[in-house]
Amino acid sequence: LNVDPLLRTSATSYIHWRGATAWAAMGQNVCLSLFMVTRDVITPLKIISCAAVVNVIGDALFCVWPIRGGCGGAAAATTCATLISSFWMVAALRKKQLLPGLRIPKKSELASLGEFTGPLLAITLTRMAGFLNMQRRAMTLGVTALAGYQLSMNLLIFFILFGEPLSQLGQTKLPGLIEDGNAKEAMATLKSILLLSVFAALGVGAVACLTAFLGPGLFSSDLGVQAVAKGAAPMLFLAVAMTIMGIAIDGAMMASRDFGFMLGTGILSFFVQAKLLKYCGSVQAILATFAVRLGSYTLFSIIRAFATNLRIRKTAKQTR
């Protein structure tokens, strides 16, 4: 990856900590999906909020004083927060009698899961590869630019979480309408979700932009890093807005089981972004390629959804 040797020790320490608890992070995502299916957003919100507080306190203890562990300390704080939130969610599901028992799945169940997990895994890997390409390009810009990029990406990842309810809304409301062949109601619901996503994208994107422009000092004392974050603020707005719109249409596309289109569009946008990244010489340019990738995916997916009426007839036949 052509990483600066000065960064390798810290990066390795961070990877060791985070990799050791990757299983807990994945389990937490599964638990969160169970809560969303039951439309219980309050319980996971409380848990994640408390975990965030633990993470902030842990950062202060492990990075600033008394331990001063650097990147390893930050990873340790995140690890503690992840473990707490994961086990807390499992306990909450058990209390609500929603925690399923562990057993070996049947062949029919595996086949049914494979219809979803196979294409979704390929889609996820494609998106992860895009993030990896962005990271590799940022590593060539120097330590200060890399730190500014990481700050911007942390803000991006934080603020796009506010778009997840829009995806869950599509995944819970649309499948029933699609299976019943109720095209009129399904398309009306999709329009409502997209309208909500526009307002959410503009609002959350604006807050992300203002945070990067006015508040980088809250996250870094380095003036160079702060300058990079401020310069990337406009593109951060665009990247957050496009991602929230993409998350919203993602839920509709998954509800219609249009995995082939999602994968094909994702691969195409991946190669387009990879080509554009070769010419990027700044953090804002890297974020711009991300916005282009998500924006093109969102546009093509919206056109596809309306052109095919969410594949309602085809999907309805498959479920009968």
Protein backbone atom coordinates (compact mmCIF):
# COMPACT_ATOMS: atom_id res chain seq x y z
CA LEU A 1 0.00 0.00 0.00
CA ASN A 2 3.08 2.30 0.07
CA VAL A 3 2.37 3.34 3.65
CA ASP A 4 4.80 5.67 5.39
CA PRO A 5 6.94 3.46 7.73
CA LEU A 6 6.24 5.91 10.55
CA LEU A 7 2.55 5.00 10.39
CA ARG A 8 2.89 1.22 10.26
CA THR A 9 3.31 0.60 13.99
CA SER A 10 0.28 2.69 14.91
CA ALA A 11 -1.78 1.23 12.09
CA THR A 12 -0.87 -2.32 13.06
CA SER A 13 -1.83 -1.68 16.68
CA TYR A 14 -5.20 -0.27 15.58
CA ILE A 15 -5.88 -3.22 13.28
CA HIS A 16 -5.08 -5.75 16.01
CA TRP A 17 -7.52 -4.17 18.44
CA ARG A 18 -10.34 -3.71 15.95
CA GLY A 19 -9.83 -7.04 14.24
CA ALA A 20 -10.06 -8.90 17.55
CA THR A 21 -13.63 -7.66 18.05
CA ALA A 22 -14.88 -7.67 14.45
CA TRP A 23 -17.22 -10.51 15.43
CA ALA A 24 -18.85 -8.28 18.05
CA ALA A 25 -19.35 -5.44 15.56
CA MET A 26 -21.00 -7.83 13.09
CA GLY A 27 -23.21 -9.26 15.84
CA GLN A 28 -24.22 -5.75 16.82
CA ASN A 29 -25.35 -5.04 13.26
CA VAL A 30 -27.47 -8.19 13.26
CA CYS A 31 -29.06 -7.23 16.58
CA LEU A 32 -29.73 -3.73 15.27
CA SER A 33 -31.55 -5.21 12.26
CA LEU A 34 -33.76 -7.26 14.59
CA PHE A 35 -34.70 -4.12 16.50
CA MET A 36 -35.46 -2.29 13.26
CA VAL A 37 -37.73 -5.10 12.05
CA THR A 38 -39.83 -4.68 15.20
CA ARG A 39 -39.75 -0.87 14.68
CA ASP A 40 -38.03 -0.39 18.02
CA VAL A 41 -35.59 2.46 17.46
CA ILE A 42 -35.50 3.75 21.04
CA THR A 43 -33.72 0.76 22.60
CA PRO A 44 -30.80 0.65 20.13
CA LEU A 45 -30.59 4.45 20.22
CA LYS A 46 -30.08 4.36 23.99
CA ILE A 47 -27.51 1.59 23.73
CA ILE A 48 -25.53 3.21 20.92
CA SER A 49 -25.63 6.61 22.67
CA CYS A 50 -24.25 5.13 25.87
CA ALA A 51 -21.58 3.26 23.89
CA ALA A 52 -20.60 6.53 22.20
CA VAL A 53 -20.15 8.15 25.62
CA VAL A 54 -17.99 5.20 26.71
CA ASN A 55 -15.95 5.61 23.52
CA VAL A 56 -15.34 9.31 24.17
CA ILE A 57 -14.34 8.68 27.79
CA GLY A 58 -12.12 5.80 26.68
CA ASP A 59 -10.40 8.02 24.11
CA ALA A 60 -9.58 10.51 26.85
CA LEU A 61 -8.26 7.80 29.18
CA PHE A 62 -6.38 5.68 26.64
CA CYS A 63 -5.10 8.41 24.32
CA VAL A 64 -4.69 11.60 26.34
CA TRP A 65 -4.17 10.65 30.00
CA PRO A 66 -3.12 8.56 31.84
CA ILE A 67 -2.26 5.80 29.33
CA ARG A 68 -1.42 7.85 26.21
CA GLY A 69 -1.67 4.87 23.89
CA GLY A 70 -2.06 6.75 20.61
CA CYS A 71 -3.85 4.86 17.82
CA GLY A 72 -3.81 1.69 19.88
CA GLY A 73 -5.50 3.54 22.72
CA ALA A 74 -8.19 4.89 20.39
CA ALA A 75 -8.79 1.37 19.06
CA ALA A 76 -8.99 0.00 22.61
CA ALA A 77 -11.61 2.60 23.51
CA THR A 78 -13.66 1.73 20.42
CA THR A 79 -13.27 -1.97 21.21
CA CYS A 80 -14.63 -1.50 24.75
CA ALA A 81 -17.58 0.50 23.43
CA THR A 82 -18.32 -2.15 20.78
CA LEU A 83 -18.27 -5.00 23.30
CA ILE A 84 -20.53 -3.12 25.71
CA SER A 85 -23.09 -2.22 23.04
CA SER A 86 -23.04 -5.72 21.51
CA PHE A 87 -23.66 -7.59 24.76
CA TRP A 88 -26.19 -4.97 25.85
CA MET A 89 -28.17 -5.46 22.62
CA VAL A 90 -28.14 -9.24 23.07
CA ALA A 91 -29.43 -8.80 26.64
CA ALA A 92 -32.15 -6.42 25.45
CA LEU A 93 -33.27 -8.89 22.76
CA ARG A 94 -33.36 -11.70 25.30
CA LYS A 95 -35.47 -9.55 27.65
CA LYS A 96 -37.93 -8.87 24.83
CA GLN A 97 -37.92 -12.60 23.97
CA LEU A 98 -36.66 -11.81 20.48
CA LEU A 99 -33.30 -13.54 20.73
CA PRO A 100 -33.35 -16.65 18.52
CA GLY A 101 -31.81 -19.87 19.70
CA LEU A 102 -28.62 -21.23 18.14
CA ARG A 103 -29.03 -24.25 15.87
CA ILE A 104 -27.71 -25.70 12.64
CA PRO A 105 -29.82 -24.32 9.76
CA LYS A 106 -31.59 -26.66 7.35
CA LYS A 107 -30.61 -26.91 3.69
CA SER A 108 -33.79 -25.13 2.62
CA GLU A 109 -33.02 -22.29 5.03
CA LEU A 110 -29.46 -22.01 3.75
CA ALA A 111 -30.71 -21.89 0.16
CA SER A 112 -33.20 -19.18 1.05
CA LEU A 113 -30.53 -17.16 2.82
CA GLY A 114 -28.14 -17.67 -0.08
CA GLU A 115 -30.54 -15.88 -2.41
CA PHE A 116 -29.94 -12.73 -0.37
CA THR A 117 -26.53 -13.12 1.24
CA GLY A 118 -24.70 -14.15 -1.95
CA PRO A 119 -25.51 -11.04 -4.01
CA LEU A 120 -25.39 -8.77 -0.95
CA LEU A 121 -21.92 -10.07 -0.05
CA ALA A 122 -20.68 -9.29 -3.55
CA ILE A 123 -22.23 -5.81 -3.38
CA THR A 124 -20.65 -5.18 0.04
CA LEU A 125 -17.21 -6.34 -1.13
CA THR A 126 -17.42 -4.00 -4.11
CA ARG A 127 -18.22 -1.05 -1.87
CA MET A 128 -15.45 -1.97 0.57
CA ALA A 129 -13.00 -2.10 -2.32
CA GLY A 130 -14.01 1.45 -3.21
CA PHE A 131 -13.20 2.65 0.31
CA LEU A 132 -9.87 0.82 0.14
CA ASN A 133 -8.97 2.60 -3.09
CA MET A 134 -9.79 5.95 -1.50
CA GLN A 135 -7.63 5.13 1.50
CA ARG A 136 -4.72 4.09 -0.70
CA ARG A 137 -4.91 7.32 -2.64
CA ALA A 138 -5.03 9.38 0.56
CA MET A 139 -1.90 7.61 1.79
CA THR A 140 0.06 9.09 -1.10
CA LEU A 141 -0.78 12.68 -0.10
CA GLY A 142 1.34 12.85 3.06
CA VAL A 143 0.74 12.48 6.79
CA THR A 144 -1.15 15.75 7.29
CA ALA A 145 -3.47 15.18 4.33
CA LEU A 146 -4.02 11.58 5.45
CA ALA A 147 -5.01 12.75 8.93
CA GLY A 148 -7.37 15.32 7.41
CA TYR A 149 -8.84 12.65 5.16
CA GLN A 150 -9.41 10.36 8.13
CA LEU A 151 -11.13 13.14 10.05
CA SER A 152 -13.38 13.86 7.07
CA MET A 153 -14.20 10.17 6.62
CA ASN A 154 -15.03 9.78 10.30
CA LEU A 155 -17.49 12.65 9.96
CA LEU A 156 -18.87 11.10 6.78
CA ILE A 157 -19.43 7.71 8.41
CA PHE A 158 -21.03 9.31 11.46
CA PHE A 159 -23.48 11.51 9.57
CA ILE A 160 -24.57 8.93 7.00
CA LEU A 161 -25.87 6.82 9.88
CA PHE A 162 -28.80 9.24 9.96
CA GLY A 163 -29.86 7.89 6.58
CA GLU A 164 -30.17 4.29 7.77
CA PRO A 165 -33.80 4.69 8.99
CA LEU A 166 -34.75 5.59 5.41
CA SER A 167 -33.33 2.28 4.18
CA GLN A 168 -35.10 0.40 6.95
CA LEU A 169 -38.32 2.19 6.05
CA GLY A 170 -38.10 0.90 2.50
CA GLN A 171 -37.18 -2.62 3.61
CA THR A 172 -40.13 -2.84 6.01
CA LYS A 173 -42.86 -1.01 4.08
CA LEU A 174 -42.24 -2.07 0.48
CA PRO A 175 -41.86 -5.90 0.54
CA GLY A 176 -45.47 -6.53 1.52
CA LEU A 177 -46.78 -4.17 -1.15
CA ILE A 178 -44.49 -5.71 -3.78
CA GLU A 179 -45.51 -9.28 -2.92
CA ASP A 180 -49.18 -8.29 -3.13
CA GLY A 181 -48.61 -6.67 -6.52
CA ASN A 182 -49.89 -3.32 -5.24
CA ALA A 183 -47.92 -1.15 -7.66
CA LYS A 184 -49.79 2.09 -6.99
CA GLU A 185 -49.26 2.01 -3.23
CA ALA A 186 -45.68 0.79 -3.56
CA MET A 187 -44.68 3.60 -5.91
CA ALA A 188 -46.44 6.18 -3.72
CA THR A 189 -44.47 4.87 -0.72
CA LEU A 190 -41.23 5.04 -2.71
CA LYS A 191 -41.94 8.65 -3.68
CA SER A 192 -42.53 9.53 -0.02
CA ILE A 193 -39.28 7.86 1.02
CA LEU A 194 -37.33 9.68 -1.68
CA LEU A 195 -38.89 13.02 -0.70
CA LEU A 196 -37.89 12.44 2.91
CA SER A 197 -34.40 11.48 1.79
CA VAL A 198 -33.98 14.77 -0.11
CA PHE A 199 -34.72 16.82 3.01
CA ALA A 200 -32.59 14.51 5.17
CA ALA A 201 -29.71 14.67 2.69
CA LEU A 202 -29.72 18.47 2.54
CA GLY A 203 -30.10 18.91 6.31
CA VAL A 204 -27.60 16.30 7.47
CA GLY A 205 -25.16 17.23 4.71
CA ALA A 206 -25.26 20.87 5.81
CA VAL A 207 -24.57 19.93 9.43
CA ALA A 208 -21.66 17.72 8.34
CA CYS A 209 -20.24 20.55 6.24
CA LEU A 210 -20.52 23.06 9.09
CA THR A 211 -18.92 20.60 11.50
CA ALA A 212 -15.92 20.13 9.20
CA PHE A 213 -15.61 23.85 8.50
CA LEU A 214 -16.25 25.31 11.96
CA GLY A 215 -15.35 22.51 14.34
CA PRO A 216 -12.24 20.62 13.19
CA GLY A 217 -10.46 21.93 16.29
CA LEU A 218 -12.71 19.69 18.36
CA PHE A 219 -11.07 16.64 16.78
CA SER A 220 -7.49 17.72 16.10
CA SER A 221 -5.13 20.35 17.49
CA ASP A 222 -2.96 20.25 14.35
CA LEU A 223 -3.57 23.38 12.28
CA GLY A 224 -2.61 21.59 9.07
CA VAL A 225 -5.18 18.86 9.66
CA GLN A 226 -7.79 21.48 10.50
CA ALA A 227 -7.04 23.29 7.22
CA VAL A 228 -7.48 20.07 5.23
CA ALA A 229 -10.82 19.37 6.91
CA LYS A 230 -12.04 22.91 6.25
CA GLY A 231 -11.03 22.68 2.60
CA ALA A 232 -12.89 19.37 2.23
CA ALA A 233 -16.09 20.66 3.89
CA PRO A 234 -18.02 21.47 0.66
CA MET A 235 -17.26 18.07 -0.83
CA LEU A 236 -18.14 16.45 2.48
CA PHE A 237 -21.59 18.02 2.17
CA LEU A 238 -21.99 16.56 -1.30
CA ALA A 239 -20.68 13.14 -0.27
CA VAL A 240 -23.00 12.92 2.75
CA ALA A 241 -26.01 14.11 0.75
CA MET A 242 -25.41 11.64 -2.07
CA THR A 243 -24.83 8.77 0.35
CA ILE A 244 -28.05 9.40 2.28
CA MET A 245 -29.97 9.45 -1.00
CA GLY A 246 -28.20 6.24 -1.99
CA ILE A 247 -29.04 4.56 1.31
CA ALA A 248 -32.71 5.45 0.85
CA ILE A 249 -32.95 3.96 -2.65
CA ASP A 250 -30.87 0.98 -1.46
CA GLY A 251 -33.71 -0.10 0.80
CA ALA A 252 -36.17 0.00 -2.10
CA MET A 253 -33.84 -1.94 -4.39
CA MET A 254 -33.34 -4.64 -1.76
CA ALA A 255 -37.09 -4.82 -1.17
CA SER A 256 -37.57 -5.48 -4.89
CA ARG A 257 -34.68 -8.01 -4.87
CA ASP A 258 -33.04 -6.29 -7.81
CA PHE A 259 -29.62 -7.53 -6.75
CA GLY A 260 -28.29 -8.02 -10.26
CA PHE A 261 -28.80 -4.37 -11.12
CA MET A 262 -27.35 -3.25 -7.80
CA LEU A 263 -24.23 -5.35 -8.31
CA GLY A 264 -23.78 -4.34 -11.95
CA THR A 265 -24.18 -0.65 -11.20
CA GLY A 266 -21.92 -0.95 -8.17
CA ILE A 267 -19.14 -2.60 -10.20
CA LEU A 268 -19.43 -0.01 -12.97
CA SER A 269 -19.30 2.90 -10.53
CA PHE A 270 -16.37 1.23 -8.74
CA PHE A 271 -14.25 1.20 -11.91
CA VAL A 272 -15.25 4.77 -12.75
CA GLN A 273 -14.17 5.93 -9.28
CA ALA A 274 -10.94 3.92 -9.47
CA LYS A 275 -10.10 5.68 -12.72
CA LEU A 276 -10.88 9.13 -11.30
CA LEU A 277 -8.83 8.50 -8.15
CA LYS A 278 -5.65 8.31 -10.22
CA TYR A 279 -5.95 12.04 -10.88
CA CYS A 280 -6.77 13.10 -7.30
CA GLY A 281 -4.22 15.30 -5.58
CA SER A 282 -6.26 16.44 -2.58
CA VAL A 283 -8.71 15.19 0.01
CA GLN A 284 -11.58 17.17 -1.49
CA ALA A 285 -10.91 15.52 -4.87
CA ILE A 286 -11.05 12.07 -3.27
CA LEU A 287 -14.38 12.92 -1.63
CA ALA A 288 -15.60 14.25 -4.97
CA THR A 289 -15.02 10.82 -6.57
CA PHE A 290 -17.03 9.26 -3.76
CA ALA A 291 -19.88 11.71 -4.39
CA VAL A 292 -19.76 10.91 -8.12
CA ARG A 293 -19.88 7.19 -7.39
CA LEU A 294 -22.83 7.40 -4.99
CA GLY A 295 -24.60 10.03 -7.06
CA SER A 296 -24.45 7.95 -10.24
CA TYR A 297 -25.61 4.82 -8.39
CA THR A 298 -28.50 6.75 -6.85
CA LEU A 299 -29.57 8.29 -10.16
CA PHE A 300 -29.49 5.02 -12.08
CA SER A 301 -31.28 3.17 -9.26
CA ILE A 302 -34.10 5.74 -9.11
CA ILE A 303 -34.54 5.53 -12.88
CA ARG A 304 -34.55 1.74 -12.65
CA ALA A 305 -37.09 1.69 -9.81
CA PHE A 306 -39.58 3.89 -11.64
CA ALA A 307 -38.99 2.33 -15.05
CA THR A 308 -39.69 -1.19 -13.75
CA ASN A 309 -42.23 -0.31 -11.02
CA LEU A 310 -39.88 -1.97 -8.52
CA ARG A 311 -40.11 -5.21 -10.54
CA ILE A 312 -43.43 -5.80 -8.82
CA ARG A 313 -44.88 -8.40 -11.23
CA LYS A 314 -41.68 -10.45 -11.38
CA THR A 315 -41.07 -10.32 -7.65
CA ALA A 316 -44.67 -11.21 -6.86
CA LYS A 317 -44.43 -14.34 -9.06
CA GLN A 318 -41.17 -15.40 -7.36
CA THR A 319 -42.71 -15.24 -3.88
CA ARG A 320 -45.78 -17.30 -4.75
